[in-house]
């Protein structure tokens, strides 16, 4: 009501002055923040240079009865283990072996059921039986890295490098792949050098980041995770199958590079060193879709999946 009385009292000052004051007030008012893009909009606005093709020489096709699982290897982070795994794959080591363990909210693990029996274990051929552990690897200041805003409970610094979720320790100059959903790891016994890649696992549950820097992580699933996550769970301790007949057969594992082009899946991965990637991270940290009423303002390292798409027709 005070404003109404004031307006009556000032009515004779002149229309020009009142309009001028109103214009100044509007000019001084803060502009509303621009609307951030949704995840779909970020991908829609991306350009070809924001994507990288999947390298056939670093791509595994794991064939199950239900379908194909595609995995990307990460030799930048575990070169000796990746080399050993590729040697085993090219020797057809995994063909016909078994999924031994499916633990709910944890991992799917496969390997040779007779690995502990010297007389019946499948021969490793040219692959190394033991490897120096590659739980982390050194990096230098020039190594590509996109830091994730916020803090991480398992690493001094967290972010993305070469398309993978990683932790970093600037004090020791060490970096490592994080145990996010879909991570591919190397099973081992108590001895640090006992993992050689002949027994592998994939994370199918909540990210078990406590495993970081305790096991060599060598890659991740980029397509077909559903064929692993939907497998029947093992009923014995830690998800192992109680009876041999319950184990699930691996039909084969192949390197994409060893298959004819017509049998490959041509995929692209969103690069993690671009402005588009930064926009993607922000779209995950502060969701803009109409369903969301409150922005979290935060995203865990494993809550930011790296987008994959079918390569556009050339």
C-alpha atoms as a PDB file:
ATOM      1  CA  UNK A   1       0.000   0.000   0.000  1.00  0.00           C
ATOM      2  CA  UNK A   2       2.933   2.373   0.571  1.00  0.00           C
ATOM      3  CA  UNK A   3       3.899   1.982  -3.051  1.00  0.00           C
ATOM      4  CA  UNK A   4       0.348   2.886  -4.166  1.00  0.00           C
ATOM      5  CA  UNK A   5       0.330   6.095  -2.110  1.00  0.00           C
ATOM      6  CA  UNK A   6       3.773   7.019  -3.379  1.00  0.00           C
ATOM      7  CA  UNK A   7       2.668   6.546  -6.968  1.00  0.00           C
ATOM      8  CA  UNK A   8      -0.258   8.941  -6.444  1.00  0.00           C
ATOM      9  CA  UNK A   9       2.029  11.557  -4.836  1.00  0.00           C
ATOM     10  CA  UNK A  10       4.581  11.331  -7.684  1.00  0.00           C
ATOM     11  CA  UNK A  11       2.052  11.319 -10.499  1.00  0.00           C
ATOM     12  CA  UNK A  12       2.805  14.942 -11.486  1.00  0.00           C
ATOM     13  CA  UNK A  13       6.580  14.455 -11.904  1.00  0.00           C
ATOM     14  CA  UNK A  14       6.220  13.303 -15.502  1.00  0.00           C
ATOM     15  CA  UNK A  15       5.827  10.116 -17.425  1.00  0.00           C
ATOM     16  CA  UNK A  16       9.310  10.343 -18.974  1.00  0.00           C
ATOM     17  CA  UNK A  17      11.103  10.168 -15.619  1.00  0.00           C
ATOM     18  CA  UNK A  18       9.016   7.242 -14.393  1.00  0.00           C
ATOM     19  CA  UNK A  19       9.701   5.219 -17.562  1.00  0.00           C
ATOM     20  CA  UNK A  20      13.423   6.035 -17.290  1.00  0.00           C
ATOM     21  CA  UNK A  21      13.570   4.812 -13.691  1.00  0.00           C
ATOM     22  CA  UNK A  22      11.739   1.610 -14.581  1.00  0.00           C
ATOM     23  CA  UNK A  23      14.163   0.969 -17.434  1.00  0.00           C
ATOM     24  CA  UNK A  24      17.152   1.475 -15.142  1.00  0.00           C
ATOM     25  CA  UNK A  25      15.697  -0.940 -12.609  1.00  0.00           C
ATOM     26  CA  UNK A  26      15.204  -3.594 -15.271  1.00  0.00           C
ATOM     27  CA  UNK A  27      18.735  -3.090 -16.571  1.00  0.00           C
ATOM     28  CA  UNK A  28      20.165  -3.514 -13.063  1.00  0.00           C
ATOM     29  CA  UNK A  29      18.220  -6.714 -12.352  1.00  0.00           C
ATOM     30  CA  UNK A  30      20.379  -9.866 -12.700  1.00  0.00           C
ATOM     31  CA  UNK A  31      19.749 -11.902 -15.813  1.00  0.00           C
ATOM     32  CA  UNK A  32      18.401 -15.409 -15.268  1.00  0.00           C
ATOM     33  CA  UNK A  33      21.115 -18.043 -15.680  1.00  0.00           C
ATOM     34  CA  UNK A  34      21.171 -19.712 -19.092  1.00  0.00           C
ATOM     35  CA  UNK A  35      19.501 -23.084 -19.238  1.00  0.00           C
ATOM     36  CA  UNK A  36      22.103 -25.854 -19.208  1.00  0.00           C
ATOM     37  CA  UNK A  37      21.671 -28.559 -21.845  1.00  0.00           C
ATOM     38  CA  UNK A  38      20.238 -31.957 -21.072  1.00  0.00           C
ATOM     39  CA  UNK A  39      22.271 -35.105 -21.658  1.00  0.00           C
ATOM     40  CA  UNK A  40      20.387 -35.752 -24.882  1.00  0.00           C
ATOM     41  CA  UNK A  41      21.082 -32.208 -26.078  1.00  0.00           C
ATOM     42  CA  UNK A  42      24.812 -32.531 -25.338  1.00  0.00           C
ATOM     43  CA  UNK A  43      25.043 -35.644 -27.492  1.00  0.00           C
ATOM     44  CA  UNK A  44      22.857 -34.152 -30.215  1.00  0.00           C
ATOM     45  CA  UNK A  45      25.108 -31.075 -30.401  1.00  0.00           C
ATOM     46  CA  UNK A  46      28.358 -33.065 -30.557  1.00  0.00           C
ATOM     47  CA  UNK A  47      30.496 -33.071 -33.680  1.00  0.00           C
ATOM     48  CA  UNK A  48      32.568 -35.800 -35.285  1.00  0.00           C
ATOM     49  CA  UNK A  49      35.785 -34.568 -33.645  1.00  0.00           C
ATOM     50  CA  UNK A  50      34.251 -35.209 -30.191  1.00  0.00           C
ATOM     51  CA  UNK A  51      34.285 -38.954 -30.850  1.00  0.00           C
ATOM     52  CA  UNK A  52      36.997 -41.547 -31.361  1.00  0.00           C
ATOM     53  CA  UNK A  53      36.600 -44.901 -33.114  1.00  0.00           C
ATOM     54  CA  UNK A  54      36.948 -48.083 -31.101  1.00  0.00           C
ATOM     55  CA  UNK A  55      40.318 -49.661 -31.904  1.00  0.00           C
ATOM     56  CA  UNK A  56      39.823 -53.248 -33.194  1.00  0.00           C
ATOM     57  CA  UNK A  57      43.247 -54.198 -31.819  1.00  0.00           C
ATOM     58  CA  UNK A  58      42.066 -53.295 -28.297  1.00  0.00           C
ATOM     59  CA  UNK A  59      38.531 -54.708 -28.541  1.00  0.00           C
ATOM     60  CA  UNK A  60      37.366 -58.098 -27.270  1.00  0.00           C
ATOM     61  CA  UNK A  61      34.195 -59.902 -28.306  1.00  0.00           C
ATOM     62  CA  UNK A  62      33.042 -62.274 -25.583  1.00  0.00           C
ATOM     63  CA  UNK A  63      30.401 -64.613 -26.995  1.00  0.00           C
ATOM     64  CA  UNK A  64      27.834 -66.177 -24.672  1.00  0.00           C
ATOM     65  CA  UNK A  65      24.822 -68.230 -25.582  1.00  0.00           C
ATOM     66  CA  UNK A  66      22.616 -65.187 -25.069  1.00  0.00           C
ATOM     67  CA  UNK A  67      24.653 -62.646 -26.994  1.00  0.00           C
ATOM     68  CA  UNK A  68      27.898 -60.761 -27.510  1.00  0.00           C
ATOM     69  CA  UNK A  69      29.687 -58.658 -24.892  1.00  0.00           C
ATOM     70  CA  UNK A  70      32.082 -56.029 -26.283  1.00  0.00           C
ATOM     71  CA  UNK A  71      35.000 -54.946 -24.104  1.00  0.00           C
ATOM     72  CA  UNK A  72      37.622 -52.254 -24.620  1.00  0.00           C
ATOM     73  CA  UNK A  73      41.125 -53.003 -23.328  1.00  0.00           C
ATOM     74  CA  UNK A  74      43.283 -50.302 -21.740  1.00  0.00           C
ATOM     75  CA  UNK A  75      46.961 -51.027 -22.451  1.00  0.00           C
ATOM     76  CA  UNK A  76      47.855 -47.505 -21.272  1.00  0.00           C
ATOM     77  CA  UNK A  77      47.135 -48.623 -17.701  1.00  0.00           C
ATOM     78  CA  UNK A  78      48.167 -52.294 -17.645  1.00  0.00           C
ATOM     79  CA  UNK A  79      50.342 -53.007 -20.694  1.00  0.00           C
ATOM     80  CA  UNK A  80      51.797 -56.351 -19.561  1.00  0.00           C
ATOM     81  CA  UNK A  81      48.418 -57.758 -18.525  1.00  0.00           C
ATOM     82  CA  UNK A  82      46.715 -56.609 -21.714  1.00  0.00           C
ATOM     83  CA  UNK A  83      49.503 -58.186 -23.783  1.00  0.00           C
ATOM     84  CA  UNK A  84      49.110 -61.477 -21.890  1.00  0.00           C
ATOM     85  CA  UNK A  85      45.323 -61.463 -22.296  1.00  0.00           C
ATOM     86  CA  UNK A  86      45.639 -60.870 -26.041  1.00  0.00           C
ATOM     87  CA  UNK A  87      48.110 -63.753 -26.242  1.00  0.00           C
ATOM     88  CA  UNK A  88      45.635 -66.024 -24.462  1.00  0.00           C
ATOM     89  CA  UNK A  89      42.768 -64.871 -26.689  1.00  0.00           C
ATOM     90  CA  UNK A  90      44.747 -65.507 -29.877  1.00  0.00           C
ATOM     91  CA  UNK A  91      45.589 -69.005 -28.618  1.00  0.00           C
ATOM     92  CA  UNK A  92      41.829 -69.638 -28.117  1.00  0.00           C
ATOM     93  CA  UNK A  93      42.540 -70.203 -24.424  1.00  0.00           C
ATOM     94  CA  UNK A  94      39.126 -69.024 -23.243  1.00  0.00           C
ATOM     95  CA  UNK A  95      37.008 -70.958 -25.741  1.00  0.00           C
ATOM     96  CA  UNK A  96      34.767 -73.382 -23.877  1.00  0.00           C
ATOM     97  CA  UNK A  97      35.864 -72.280 -20.410  1.00  0.00           C
ATOM     98  CA  UNK A  98      33.293 -71.468 -17.756  1.00  0.00           C
ATOM     99  CA  UNK A  99      31.762 -68.606 -15.845  1.00  0.00           C
ATOM    100  CA  UNK A 100      32.542 -69.787 -12.331  1.00  0.00           C
ATOM    101  CA  UNK A 101      30.978 -67.070 -10.237  1.00  0.00           C
ATOM    102  CA  UNK A 102      28.079 -64.636 -10.455  1.00  0.00           C
ATOM    103  CA  UNK A 103      27.793 -62.716  -7.200  1.00  0.00           C
ATOM    104  CA  UNK A 104      24.812 -60.419  -6.840  1.00  0.00           C
ATOM    105  CA  UNK A 105      25.701 -56.712  -6.823  1.00  0.00           C
ATOM    106  CA  UNK A 106      29.368 -57.569  -7.340  1.00  0.00           C
ATOM    107  CA  UNK A 107      31.036 -59.474 -10.182  1.00  0.00           C
ATOM    108  CA  UNK A 108      30.840 -62.101 -12.919  1.00  0.00           C
ATOM    109  CA  UNK A 109      34.063 -64.133 -12.994  1.00  0.00           C
ATOM    110  CA  UNK A 110      35.317 -66.684 -15.508  1.00  0.00           C
ATOM    111  CA  UNK A 111      38.296 -68.929 -16.035  1.00  0.00           C
ATOM    112  CA  UNK A 112      39.496 -72.541 -16.057  1.00  0.00           C
ATOM    113  CA  UNK A 113      37.669 -74.642 -13.426  1.00  0.00           C
ATOM    114  CA  UNK A 114      40.751 -76.895 -13.280  1.00  0.00           C
ATOM    115  CA  UNK A 115      43.275 -74.060 -12.948  1.00  0.00           C
ATOM    116  CA  UNK A 116      44.336 -75.345  -9.518  1.00  0.00           C
ATOM    117  CA  UNK A 117      44.945 -78.872 -10.826  1.00  0.00           C
ATOM    118  CA  UNK A 118      48.383 -79.057 -12.428  1.00  0.00           C
ATOM    119  CA  UNK A 119      47.558 -82.209 -14.403  1.00  0.00           C
ATOM    120  CA  UNK A 120      44.240 -80.983 -15.810  1.00  0.00           C
ATOM    121  CA  UNK A 121      44.660 -77.221 -16.090  1.00  0.00           C
ATOM    122  CA  UNK A 122      44.504 -75.753 -19.577  1.00  0.00           C
ATOM    123  CA  UNK A 123      47.960 -74.856 -20.879  1.00  0.00           C
ATOM    124  CA  UNK A 124      48.850 -71.155 -21.013  1.00  0.00           C
ATOM    125  CA  UNK A 125      50.982 -71.626 -24.115  1.00  0.00           C
ATOM    126  CA  UNK A 126      53.045 -68.524 -24.858  1.00  0.00           C
ATOM    127  CA  UNK A 127      51.341 -66.465 -22.118  1.00  0.00           C
ATOM    128  CA  UNK A 128      53.232 -65.621 -18.936  1.00  0.00           C
ATOM    129  CA  UNK A 129      52.157 -67.557 -15.809  1.00  0.00           C
ATOM    130  CA  UNK A 130      52.947 -64.648 -13.467  1.00  0.00           C
ATOM    131  CA  UNK A 131      53.192 -60.903 -13.993  1.00  0.00           C
ATOM    132  CA  UNK A 132      54.518 -57.965 -12.042  1.00  0.00           C
ATOM    133  CA  UNK A 133      51.396 -56.306 -10.566  1.00  0.00           C
ATOM    134  CA  UNK A 134      49.974 -53.356 -12.504  1.00  0.00           C
ATOM    135  CA  UNK A 135      47.573 -52.051  -9.887  1.00  0.00           C
ATOM    136  CA  UNK A 136      48.620 -48.502 -10.828  1.00  0.00           C
ATOM    137  CA  UNK A 137      50.980 -46.922 -13.319  1.00  0.00           C
ATOM    138  CA  UNK A 138      53.074 -43.763 -13.409  1.00  0.00           C
ATOM    139  CA  UNK A 139      52.066 -40.632 -15.282  1.00  0.00           C
ATOM    140  CA  UNK A 140      53.638 -37.288 -16.097  1.00  0.00           C
ATOM    141  CA  UNK A 141      52.303 -33.750 -16.343  1.00  0.00           C
ATOM    142  CA  UNK A 142      51.677 -34.122 -20.085  1.00  0.00           C
ATOM    143  CA  UNK A 143      49.413 -37.152 -19.686  1.00  0.00           C
ATOM    144  CA  UNK A 144      45.874 -36.244 -20.845  1.00  0.00           C
ATOM    145  CA  UNK A 145      43.508 -35.961 -17.908  1.00  0.00           C
ATOM    146  CA  UNK A 146      40.164 -34.260 -17.303  1.00  0.00           C
ATOM    147  CA  UNK A 147      39.548 -33.753 -13.608  1.00  0.00           C
ATOM    148  CA  UNK A 148      36.095 -34.383 -12.176  1.00  0.00           C
ATOM    149  CA  UNK A 149      34.745 -31.486 -10.077  1.00  0.00           C
ATOM    150  CA  UNK A 150      34.318 -32.281  -6.396  1.00  0.00           C
ATOM    151  CA  UNK A 151      35.970 -34.794  -4.127  1.00  0.00           C
ATOM    152  CA  UNK A 152      36.452 -38.548  -4.321  1.00  0.00           C
ATOM    153  CA  UNK A 153      36.626 -40.830  -1.319  1.00  0.00           C
ATOM    154  CA  UNK A 154      39.007 -43.329  -2.928  1.00  0.00           C
ATOM    155  CA  UNK A 155      41.561 -41.146  -4.685  1.00  0.00           C
ATOM    156  CA  UNK A 156      43.252 -37.792  -4.037  1.00  0.00           C
ATOM    157  CA  UNK A 157      42.103 -36.755  -7.526  1.00  0.00           C
ATOM    158  CA  UNK A 158      39.552 -38.423  -9.806  1.00  0.00           C
ATOM    159  CA  UNK A 159      38.661 -37.878 -13.425  1.00  0.00           C
ATOM    160  CA  UNK A 160      38.987 -39.323 -16.902  1.00  0.00           C
ATOM    161  CA  UNK A 161      41.950 -40.249 -19.085  1.00  0.00           C
ATOM    162  CA  UNK A 162      41.918 -41.916 -22.498  1.00  0.00           C
ATOM    163  CA  UNK A 163      38.180 -42.434 -22.108  1.00  0.00           C
ATOM    164  CA  UNK A 164      38.388 -44.303 -18.794  1.00  0.00           C
ATOM    165  CA  UNK A 165      37.430 -43.376 -15.233  1.00  0.00           C
ATOM    166  CA  UNK A 166      40.635 -43.086 -13.222  1.00  0.00           C
ATOM    167  CA  UNK A 167      42.045 -42.141  -9.863  1.00  0.00           C
ATOM    168  CA  UNK A 168      45.282 -40.204  -9.464  1.00  0.00           C
ATOM    169  CA  UNK A 169      47.772 -39.502  -6.716  1.00  0.00           C
ATOM    170  CA  UNK A 170      49.751 -36.334  -7.541  1.00  0.00           C
ATOM    171  CA  UNK A 171      52.208 -37.033  -4.706  1.00  0.00           C
ATOM    172  CA  UNK A 172      53.366 -40.381  -6.102  1.00  0.00           C
ATOM    173  CA  UNK A 173      52.521 -39.592  -9.755  1.00  0.00           C
ATOM    174  CA  UNK A 174      50.504 -42.804  -9.974  1.00  0.00           C
ATOM    175  CA  UNK A 175      47.192 -43.350 -11.762  1.00  0.00           C
ATOM    176  CA  UNK A 176      44.835 -46.328 -11.954  1.00  0.00           C
ATOM    177  CA  UNK A 177      41.569 -47.473 -13.487  1.00  0.00           C
ATOM    178  CA  UNK A 178      38.577 -47.297 -11.157  1.00  0.00           C
ATOM    179  CA  UNK A 179      36.290 -50.210 -10.370  1.00  0.00           C
ATOM    180  CA  UNK A 180      33.161 -48.757 -11.934  1.00  0.00           C
ATOM    181  CA  UNK A 181      30.212 -50.746 -13.262  1.00  0.00           C
ATOM    182  CA  UNK A 182      31.429 -52.784 -16.229  1.00  0.00           C
ATOM    183  CA  UNK A 183      35.132 -52.653 -15.274  1.00  0.00           C
ATOM    184  CA  UNK A 184      37.193 -55.628 -16.463  1.00  0.00           C
ATOM    185  CA  UNK A 185      39.654 -56.907 -13.888  1.00  0.00           C
ATOM    186  CA  UNK A 186      42.226 -59.668 -13.488  1.00  0.00           C
ATOM    187  CA  UNK A 187      41.563 -62.261 -10.798  1.00  0.00           C
ATOM    188  CA  UNK A 188      44.455 -63.186  -8.505  1.00  0.00           C
ATOM    189  CA  UNK A 189      45.375 -65.097  -5.361  1.00  0.00           C
ATOM    190  CA  UNK A 190      46.998 -63.489  -2.294  1.00  0.00           C
ATOM    191  CA  UNK A 191      50.341 -62.998  -4.026  1.00  0.00           C
ATOM    192  CA  UNK A 192      50.438 -59.700  -5.916  1.00  0.00           C
ATOM    193  CA  UNK A 193      52.028 -61.288  -8.986  1.00  0.00           C
ATOM    194  CA  UNK A 194      49.564 -64.205  -9.200  1.00  0.00           C
ATOM    195  CA  UNK A 195      47.171 -62.555 -11.677  1.00  0.00           C
ATOM    196  CA  UNK A 196      48.062 -63.244 -15.307  1.00  0.00           C
ATOM    197  CA  UNK A 197      44.783 -62.584 -17.155  1.00  0.00           C
ATOM    198  CA  UNK A 198      43.701 -66.213 -17.435  1.00  0.00           C
ATOM    199  CA  UNK A 199      40.948 -65.494 -14.909  1.00  0.00           C
ATOM    200  CA  UNK A 200      38.912 -62.342 -15.475  1.00  0.00           C
ATOM    201  CA  UNK A 201      35.902 -60.642 -13.946  1.00  0.00           C
ATOM    202  CA  UNK A 202      33.463 -57.850 -14.777  1.00  0.00           C
ATOM    203  CA  UNK A 203      31.802 -55.604 -12.183  1.00  0.00           C
ATOM    204  CA  UNK A 204      28.003 -55.983 -12.391  1.00  0.00           C
ATOM    205  CA  UNK A 205      26.997 -54.144  -9.225  1.00  0.00           C
ATOM    206  CA  UNK A 206      27.611 -51.043  -7.180  1.00  0.00           C
ATOM    207  CA  UNK A 207      31.149 -49.828  -7.867  1.00  0.00           C
ATOM    208  CA  UNK A 208      33.509 -51.756  -5.499  1.00  0.00           C
ATOM    209  CA  UNK A 209      36.075 -48.977  -5.350  1.00  0.00           C
ATOM    210  CA  UNK A 210      37.761 -50.599  -2.345  1.00  0.00           C
ATOM    211  CA  UNK A 211      39.347 -52.929  -4.917  1.00  0.00           C
ATOM    212  CA  UNK A 212      41.147 -50.024  -6.597  1.00  0.00           C
ATOM    213  CA  UNK A 213      44.945 -50.421  -6.498  1.00  0.00           C
ATOM    214  CA  UNK A 214      44.569 -54.006  -5.250  1.00  0.00           C
ATOM    215  CA  UNK A 215      43.870 -55.659  -8.610  1.00  0.00           C
ATOM    216  CA  UNK A 216      44.897 -54.911 -12.178  1.00  0.00           C
ATOM    217  CA  UNK A 217      41.985 -53.393 -14.070  1.00  0.00           C
ATOM    218  CA  UNK A 218      42.516 -53.849 -17.804  1.00  0.00           C
ATOM    219  CA  UNK A 219      39.426 -52.416 -19.510  1.00  0.00           C
ATOM    220  CA  UNK A 220      35.652 -52.186 -19.386  1.00  0.00           C
ATOM    221  CA  UNK A 221      32.468 -53.377 -21.068  1.00  0.00           C
ATOM    222  CA  UNK A 222      31.165 -50.912 -23.620  1.00  0.00           C
ATOM    223  CA  UNK A 223      28.243 -52.897 -24.999  1.00  0.00           C
ATOM    224  CA  UNK A 224      26.291 -56.000 -23.974  1.00  0.00           C
ATOM    225  CA  UNK A 225      26.666 -55.746 -20.193  1.00  0.00           C
ATOM    226  CA  UNK A 226      23.114 -57.064 -19.896  1.00  0.00           C
ATOM    227  CA  UNK A 227      24.282 -60.517 -21.001  1.00  0.00           C
ATOM    228  CA  UNK A 228      26.464 -60.648 -17.886  1.00  0.00           C
ATOM    229  CA  UNK A 229      24.367 -58.774 -15.332  1.00  0.00           C
ATOM    230  CA  UNK A 230      21.280 -60.923 -16.026  1.00  0.00           C
ATOM    231  CA  UNK A 231      23.011 -64.275 -15.489  1.00  0.00           C
ATOM    232  CA  UNK A 232      21.686 -66.545 -12.710  1.00  0.00           C
ATOM    233  CA  UNK A 233      23.474 -65.988  -9.411  1.00  0.00           C
ATOM    234  CA  UNK A 234      25.651 -68.637  -7.847  1.00  0.00           C
ATOM    235  CA  UNK A 235      24.305 -70.047  -4.583  1.00  0.00           C
ATOM    236  CA  UNK A 236      27.615 -70.954  -2.928  1.00  0.00           C
ATOM    237  CA  UNK A 237      29.853 -68.599  -0.975  1.00  0.00           C
ATOM    238  CA  UNK A 238      30.800 -65.392  -2.850  1.00  0.00           C
ATOM    239  CA  UNK A 239      28.481 -66.291  -5.709  1.00  0.00           C
ATOM    240  CA  UNK A 240      30.350 -69.360  -6.950  1.00  0.00           C
ATOM    241  CA  UNK A 241      28.207 -72.054  -8.502  1.00  0.00           C
ATOM    242  CA  UNK A 242      27.661 -74.926  -6.103  1.00  0.00           C
ATOM    243  CA  UNK A 243      27.652 -77.625  -8.803  1.00  0.00           C
ATOM    244  CA  UNK A 244      29.854 -77.923 -11.903  1.00  0.00           C
ATOM    245  CA  UNK A 245      26.817 -78.330 -14.151  1.00  0.00           C
ATOM    246  CA  UNK A 246      25.572 -74.894 -13.085  1.00  0.00           C
ATOM    247  CA  UNK A 247      28.588 -73.150 -14.580  1.00  0.00           C
ATOM    248  CA  UNK A 248      27.939 -71.181 -17.750  1.00  0.00           C
ATOM    249  CA  UNK A 249      29.988 -71.854 -20.870  1.00  0.00           C
ATOM    250  CA  UNK A 250      31.975 -69.211 -22.714  1.00  0.00           C
ATOM    251  CA  UNK A 251      31.581 -69.884 -26.416  1.00  0.00           C
ATOM    252  CA  UNK A 252      34.609 -67.802 -27.373  1.00  0.00           C
ATOM    253  CA  UNK A 253      36.604 -64.613 -26.906  1.00  0.00           C
ATOM    254  CA  UNK A 254      38.060 -62.939 -29.987  1.00  0.00           C
ATOM    255  CA  UNK A 255      39.977 -59.780 -30.791  1.00  0.00           C
ATOM    256  CA  UNK A 256      37.965 -57.635 -33.180  1.00  0.00           C
ATOM    257  CA  UNK A 257      41.113 -57.094 -35.254  1.00  0.00           C
ATOM    258  CA  UNK A 258      41.245 -60.839 -35.989  1.00  0.00           C
ATOM    259  CA  UNK A 259      37.738 -60.928 -37.453  1.00  0.00           C
ATOM    260  CA  UNK A 260      36.598 -59.885 -40.934  1.00  0.00           C
ATOM    261  CA  UNK A 261      35.310 -56.293 -41.027  1.00  0.00           C
ATOM    262  CA  UNK A 262      31.790 -57.570 -41.746  1.00  0.00           C
ATOM    263  CA  UNK A 263      31.743 -59.376 -38.376  1.00  0.00           C
ATOM    264  CA  UNK A 264      32.802 -56.362 -36.326  1.00  0.00           C
ATOM    265  CA  UNK A 265      30.620 -53.755 -34.626  1.00  0.00           C
ATOM    266  CA  UNK A 266      31.711 -50.256 -35.658  1.00  0.00           C
ATOM    267  CA  UNK A 267      31.469 -48.096 -32.532  1.00  0.00           C
ATOM    268  CA  UNK A 268      32.576 -44.632 -31.426  1.00  0.00           C
ATOM    269  CA  UNK A 269      33.465 -43.499 -27.893  1.00  0.00           C
ATOM    270  CA  UNK A 270      32.966 -39.933 -26.681  1.00  0.00           C
ATOM    271  CA  UNK A 271      36.378 -38.374 -26.072  1.00  0.00           C
ATOM    272  CA  UNK A 272      37.010 -37.202 -22.527  1.00  0.00           C
ATOM    273  CA  UNK A 273      39.270 -34.284 -23.447  1.00  0.00           C
ATOM    274  CA  UNK A 274      36.749 -32.013 -25.207  1.00  0.00           C
ATOM    275  CA  UNK A 275      34.318 -29.214 -24.365  1.00  0.00           C
ATOM    276  CA  UNK A 276      31.510 -31.614 -25.192  1.00  0.00           C
ATOM    277  CA  UNK A 277      32.792 -33.974 -22.506  1.00  0.00           C
ATOM    278  CA  UNK A 278      32.785 -31.135 -19.966  1.00  0.00           C
ATOM    279  CA  UNK A 279      29.178 -30.358 -20.924  1.00  0.00           C
ATOM    280  CA  UNK A 280      28.317 -34.054 -20.579  1.00  0.00           C
ATOM    281  CA  UNK A 281      29.784 -34.141 -17.062  1.00  0.00           C
ATOM    282  CA  UNK A 282      27.812 -31.036 -16.086  1.00  0.00           C
ATOM    283  CA  UNK A 283      24.617 -32.553 -17.491  1.00  0.00           C
ATOM    284  CA  UNK A 284      25.161 -35.522 -15.171  1.00  0.00           C
ATOM    285  CA  UNK A 285      26.036 -33.384 -12.141  1.00  0.00           C
ATOM    286  CA  UNK A 286      23.047 -31.062 -12.591  1.00  0.00           C
ATOM    287  CA  UNK A 287      20.293 -32.899 -14.412  1.00  0.00           C
ATOM    288  CA  UNK A 288      18.184 -30.608 -16.602  1.00  0.00           C
ATOM    289  CA  UNK A 289      15.458 -33.020 -17.676  1.00  0.00           C
ATOM    290  CA  UNK A 290      11.990 -31.809 -16.686  1.00  0.00           C
ATOM    291  CA  UNK A 291      11.441 -34.757 -14.315  1.00  0.00           C
ATOM    292  CA  UNK A 292      14.200 -33.532 -11.967  1.00  0.00           C
ATOM    293  CA  UNK A 293      13.074 -30.889  -9.483  1.00  0.00           C
ATOM    294  CA  UNK A 294      16.339 -30.477  -7.562  1.00  0.00           C
ATOM    295  CA  UNK A 295      19.859 -30.540  -8.938  1.00  0.00           C
ATOM    296  CA  UNK A 296      22.341 -32.720  -7.061  1.00  0.00           C
ATOM    297  CA  UNK A 297      25.314 -30.544  -7.971  1.00  0.00           C
ATOM    298  CA  UNK A 298      27.514 -33.621  -7.721  1.00  0.00           C
ATOM    299  CA  UNK A 299      28.256 -36.852  -9.550  1.00  0.00           C
ATOM    300  CA  UNK A 300      30.406 -39.729  -8.391  1.00  0.00           C
ATOM    301  CA  UNK A 301      33.217 -40.842 -10.699  1.00  0.00           C
ATOM    302  CA  UNK A 302      31.336 -44.040 -11.523  1.00  0.00           C
ATOM    303  CA  UNK A 303      28.077 -42.162 -12.082  1.00  0.00           C
ATOM    304  CA  UNK A 304      29.377 -40.625 -15.327  1.00  0.00           C
ATOM    305  CA  UNK A 305      29.321 -43.298 -18.033  1.00  0.00           C
ATOM    306  CA  UNK A 306      31.312 -42.648 -21.191  1.00  0.00           C
ATOM    307  CA  UNK A 307      28.812 -42.518 -24.098  1.00  0.00           C
ATOM    308  CA  UNK A 308      29.114 -45.048 -26.911  1.00  0.00           C
ATOM    309  CA  UNK A 309      27.389 -44.827 -30.279  1.00  0.00           C
ATOM    310  CA  UNK A 310      27.239 -46.724 -33.548  1.00  0.00           C
ATOM    311  CA  UNK A 311      29.672 -45.107 -35.950  1.00  0.00           C
ATOM    312  CA  UNK A 312      27.816 -42.955 -38.506  1.00  0.00           C
ATOM    313  CA  UNK A 313      27.839 -44.377 -42.010  1.00  0.00           C
ATOM    314  CA  UNK A 314      30.942 -43.275 -43.846  1.00  0.00           C
END
